[in-house]
Amino acid sequence: DEVAIDQHSISLAASQELLDQSIPIDSDSDFVVAKIVGVKDGNYELNIRMPDGRRICSSMVRDSIVVGVTQFPVPIVPHIYAPAGSHIGIDIHDLSAAANDIVISFIGWRRYPTK
């Protein structure tokens, strides 16, 4: 196992919504997501889909509920387990009514197959 951060950048126009944004997982290792942090220019809402397609929230939620900041990451319990070669999905919608550059980082560890 080794520490890993998978960072995803998204640029949204005013009030733009993007559905099913795919974050690919490396094919050589599984990825276990333990925390989520991010930076943004404005408010947004999102929902995250696990590799099996299930959403972690029942509907879109404000970013401050699911995405923490560096000093205060949002823990994901139980962790999201993403098998090698799978993907994590994001639905995202700008609420700022202006251009919005967003970076979301999934923090956890890579789990390599044992011999």
C-alpha atoms as a PDB file:
ATOM      1  CA  ASP A   1       0.000   0.000   0.000  1.00  0.00           C
ATOM      2  CA  GLU A   2       1.090   3.580  -0.609  1.00  0.00           C
ATOM      3  CA  VAL A   3      -0.411   7.022   0.014  1.00  0.00           C
ATOM      4  CA  ALA A   4      -2.199   8.475  -3.001  1.00  0.00           C
ATOM      5  CA  ILE A   5      -3.955  11.678  -4.018  1.00  0.00           C
ATOM      6  CA  ASP A   6      -6.094  11.657  -7.146  1.00  0.00           C
ATOM      7  CA  GLN A   7      -6.803  15.231  -8.217  1.00  0.00           C
ATOM      8  CA  HIS A   8      -9.549  16.246 -10.642  1.00  0.00           C
ATOM      9  CA  SER A   9      -9.952  19.763 -12.121  1.00  0.00           C
ATOM     10  CA  ILE A  10     -13.281  20.992 -13.457  1.00  0.00           C
ATOM     11  CA  SER A  11     -14.094  24.367 -15.023  1.00  0.00           C
ATOM     12  CA  LEU A  12     -17.755  25.321 -15.006  1.00  0.00           C
ATOM     13  CA  ALA A  13     -19.441  28.235 -16.745  1.00  0.00           C
ATOM     14  CA  ALA A  14     -22.098  30.189 -14.839  1.00  0.00           C
ATOM     15  CA  SER A  15     -24.849  27.787 -13.676  1.00  0.00           C
ATOM     16  CA  GLN A  16     -23.417  24.963 -15.793  1.00  0.00           C
ATOM     17  CA  GLU A  17     -24.161  21.354 -14.852  1.00  0.00           C
ATOM     18  CA  LEU A  18     -21.971  18.421 -15.854  1.00  0.00           C
ATOM     19  CA  LEU A  19     -23.216  14.898 -15.271  1.00  0.00           C
ATOM     20  CA  ASP A  20     -21.203  11.699 -15.026  1.00  0.00           C
ATOM     21  CA  GLN A  21     -17.729  13.202 -15.011  1.00  0.00           C
ATOM     22  CA  SER A  22     -15.440  10.184 -14.883  1.00  0.00           C
ATOM     23  CA  ILE A  23     -12.295   9.987 -12.761  1.00  0.00           C
ATOM     24  CA  PRO A  24     -10.337   6.961 -13.984  1.00  0.00           C
ATOM     25  CA  ILE A  25      -8.535   4.734 -11.491  1.00  0.00           C
ATOM     26  CA  ASP A  26      -5.063   3.454 -12.416  1.00  0.00           C
ATOM     27  CA  SER A  27      -5.111  -0.039 -13.865  1.00  0.00           C
ATOM     28  CA  ASP A  28      -2.179  -1.299 -11.782  1.00  0.00           C
ATOM     29  CA  SER A  29      -3.709  -0.792  -8.320  1.00  0.00           C
ATOM     30  CA  ASP A  30      -6.953  -0.431  -6.409  1.00  0.00           C
ATOM     31  CA  PHE A  31      -7.646   2.977  -4.851  1.00  0.00           C
ATOM     32  CA  VAL A  32      -9.169   3.430  -1.396  1.00  0.00           C
ATOM     33  CA  VAL A  33     -10.604   6.931  -0.852  1.00  0.00           C
ATOM     34  CA  ALA A  34     -10.517   8.010   2.793  1.00  0.00           C
ATOM     35  CA  LYS A  35     -10.883  11.821   2.537  1.00  0.00           C
ATOM     36  CA  ILE A  36     -11.974  14.515   0.087  1.00  0.00           C
ATOM     37  CA  VAL A  37     -10.628  18.079  -0.121  1.00  0.00           C
ATOM     38  CA  GLY A  38     -10.876  20.816  -2.693  1.00  0.00           C
ATOM     39  CA  VAL A  39     -10.547  24.432  -3.724  1.00  0.00           C
ATOM     40  CA  LYS A  40     -13.027  26.505  -5.711  1.00  0.00           C
ATOM     41  CA  ASP A  41     -13.788  29.945  -7.075  1.00  0.00           C
ATOM     42  CA  GLY A  42     -17.480  29.765  -6.125  1.00  0.00           C
ATOM     43  CA  ASN A  43     -20.174  27.568  -4.624  1.00  0.00           C
ATOM     44  CA  TYR A  44     -21.365  24.412  -6.319  1.00  0.00           C
ATOM     45  CA  GLU A  45     -23.287  21.231  -5.594  1.00  0.00           C
ATOM     46  CA  LEU A  46     -22.301  17.703  -6.438  1.00  0.00           C
ATOM     47  CA  ASN A  47     -22.916  14.033  -6.001  1.00  0.00           C
ATOM     48  CA  ILE A  48     -20.257  11.344  -6.150  1.00  0.00           C
ATOM     49  CA  ARG A  49     -20.805   7.898  -7.634  1.00  0.00           C
ATOM     50  CA  MET A  50     -18.867   4.909  -6.458  1.00  0.00           C
ATOM     51  CA  PRO A  51     -17.412   2.537  -9.074  1.00  0.00           C
ATOM     52  CA  ASP A  52     -20.512   0.307  -8.903  1.00  0.00           C
ATOM     53  CA  GLY A  53     -22.675   3.302  -9.914  1.00  0.00           C
ATOM     54  CA  ARG A  54     -24.308   3.964  -6.537  1.00  0.00           C
ATOM     55  CA  ARG A  55     -24.371   7.588  -5.390  1.00  0.00           C
ATOM     56  CA  ILE A  56     -23.051   8.462  -1.938  1.00  0.00           C
ATOM     57  CA  CYS A  57     -25.815  11.075  -1.417  1.00  0.00           C
ATOM     58  CA  SER A  58     -29.524  10.766  -2.159  1.00  0.00           C
ATOM     59  CA  SER A  59     -29.391  13.994  -4.216  1.00  0.00           C
ATOM     60  CA  MET A  60     -26.983  16.781  -5.136  1.00  0.00           C
ATOM     61  CA  VAL A  61     -25.523  18.440  -2.011  1.00  0.00           C
ATOM     62  CA  ARG A  62     -23.598  21.659  -1.386  1.00  0.00           C
ATOM     63  CA  ASP A  63     -19.851  21.246  -1.812  1.00  0.00           C
ATOM     64  CA  SER A  64     -19.166  22.220   1.813  1.00  0.00           C
ATOM     65  CA  ILE A  65     -20.977  19.073   2.975  1.00  0.00           C
ATOM     66  CA  VAL A  66     -18.864  16.598   0.988  1.00  0.00           C
ATOM     67  CA  VAL A  67     -15.632  18.422   0.084  1.00  0.00           C
ATOM     68  CA  GLY A  68     -13.392  19.695   2.861  1.00  0.00           C
ATOM     69  CA  VAL A  69     -10.384  21.991   2.793  1.00  0.00           C
ATOM     70  CA  THR A  70      -6.768  21.020   3.324  1.00  0.00           C
ATOM     71  CA  GLN A  71      -6.842  21.749   7.060  1.00  0.00           C
ATOM     72  CA  PHE A  72     -10.195  19.978   7.518  1.00  0.00           C
ATOM     73  CA  PRO A  73     -10.689  17.165   4.997  1.00  0.00           C
ATOM     74  CA  VAL A  74     -14.058  15.415   4.929  1.00  0.00           C
ATOM     75  CA  PRO A  75     -13.580  11.783   6.003  1.00  0.00           C
ATOM     76  CA  ILE A  76     -15.400   9.138   3.976  1.00  0.00           C
ATOM     77  CA  VAL A  77     -16.534   6.314   6.249  1.00  0.00           C
ATOM     78  CA  PRO A  78     -16.710   3.624   5.173  1.00  0.00           C
ATOM     79  CA  HIS A  79     -14.047   4.358   2.590  1.00  0.00           C
ATOM     80  CA  ILE A  80     -14.794   4.262  -1.136  1.00  0.00           C
ATOM     81  CA  TYR A  81     -13.098   1.223  -2.646  1.00  0.00           C
ATOM     82  CA  ALA A  82     -12.324   1.625  -6.357  1.00  0.00           C
ATOM     83  CA  PRO A  83     -10.917  -1.465  -8.079  1.00  0.00           C
ATOM     84  CA  ALA A  84      -8.033  -1.077 -10.528  1.00  0.00           C
ATOM     85  CA  GLY A  85      -9.247   0.124 -13.921  1.00  0.00           C
ATOM     86  CA  SER A  86     -12.616   1.366 -12.625  1.00  0.00           C
ATOM     87  CA  HIS A  87     -13.726   4.964 -12.182  1.00  0.00           C
ATOM     88  CA  ILE A  88     -15.372   7.307  -9.695  1.00  0.00           C
ATOM     89  CA  GLY A  89     -18.125   9.506 -11.101  1.00  0.00           C
ATOM     90  CA  ILE A  90     -19.103  13.073 -10.265  1.00  0.00           C
ATOM     91  CA  ASP A  91     -22.248  15.045 -11.074  1.00  0.00           C
ATOM     92  CA  ILE A  92     -21.567  18.738 -10.512  1.00  0.00           C
ATOM     93  CA  HIS A  93     -23.548  21.976 -10.846  1.00  0.00           C
ATOM     94  CA  ASP A  94     -22.325  25.568 -10.456  1.00  0.00           C
ATOM     95  CA  LEU A  95     -24.292  27.723  -8.003  1.00  0.00           C
ATOM     96  CA  SER A  96     -22.137  30.857  -8.222  1.00  0.00           C
ATOM     97  CA  ALA A  97     -23.634  32.258 -11.456  1.00  0.00           C
ATOM     98  CA  ALA A  98     -20.063  32.967 -12.606  1.00  0.00           C
ATOM     99  CA  ALA A  99     -17.148  31.017 -14.052  1.00  0.00           C
ATOM    100  CA  ASN A 100     -16.019  28.501 -11.446  1.00  0.00           C
ATOM    101  CA  ASP A 101     -12.710  26.624 -11.437  1.00  0.00           C
ATOM    102  CA  ILE A 102     -12.833  23.671  -9.061  1.00  0.00           C
ATOM    103  CA  VAL A 103     -10.203  21.175  -7.941  1.00  0.00           C
ATOM    104  CA  ILE A 104     -11.333  18.092  -6.022  1.00  0.00           C
ATOM    105  CA  SER A 105      -8.732  15.771  -4.489  1.00  0.00           C
ATOM    106  CA  PHE A 106      -9.475  12.249  -3.345  1.00  0.00           C
ATOM    107  CA  ILE A 107      -6.988  11.262  -0.641  1.00  0.00           C
ATOM    108  CA  GLY A 108      -6.323   7.678   0.361  1.00  0.00           C
ATOM    109  CA  TRP A 109      -4.026   4.890  -0.661  1.00  0.00           C
ATOM    110  CA  ARG A 110      -3.237   2.613  -3.560  1.00  0.00           C
ATOM    111  CA  ARG A 111      -3.410  -1.081  -2.891  1.00  0.00           C
ATOM    112  CA  TYR A 112      -1.170  -3.123  -5.163  1.00  0.00           C
ATOM    113  CA  PRO A 113      -1.730  -6.838  -5.722  1.00  0.00           C
ATOM    114  CA  THR A 114       0.394  -9.045  -3.489  1.00  0.00           C
ATOM    115  CA  LYS A 115       2.474 -11.811  -4.967  1.00  0.00           C
END
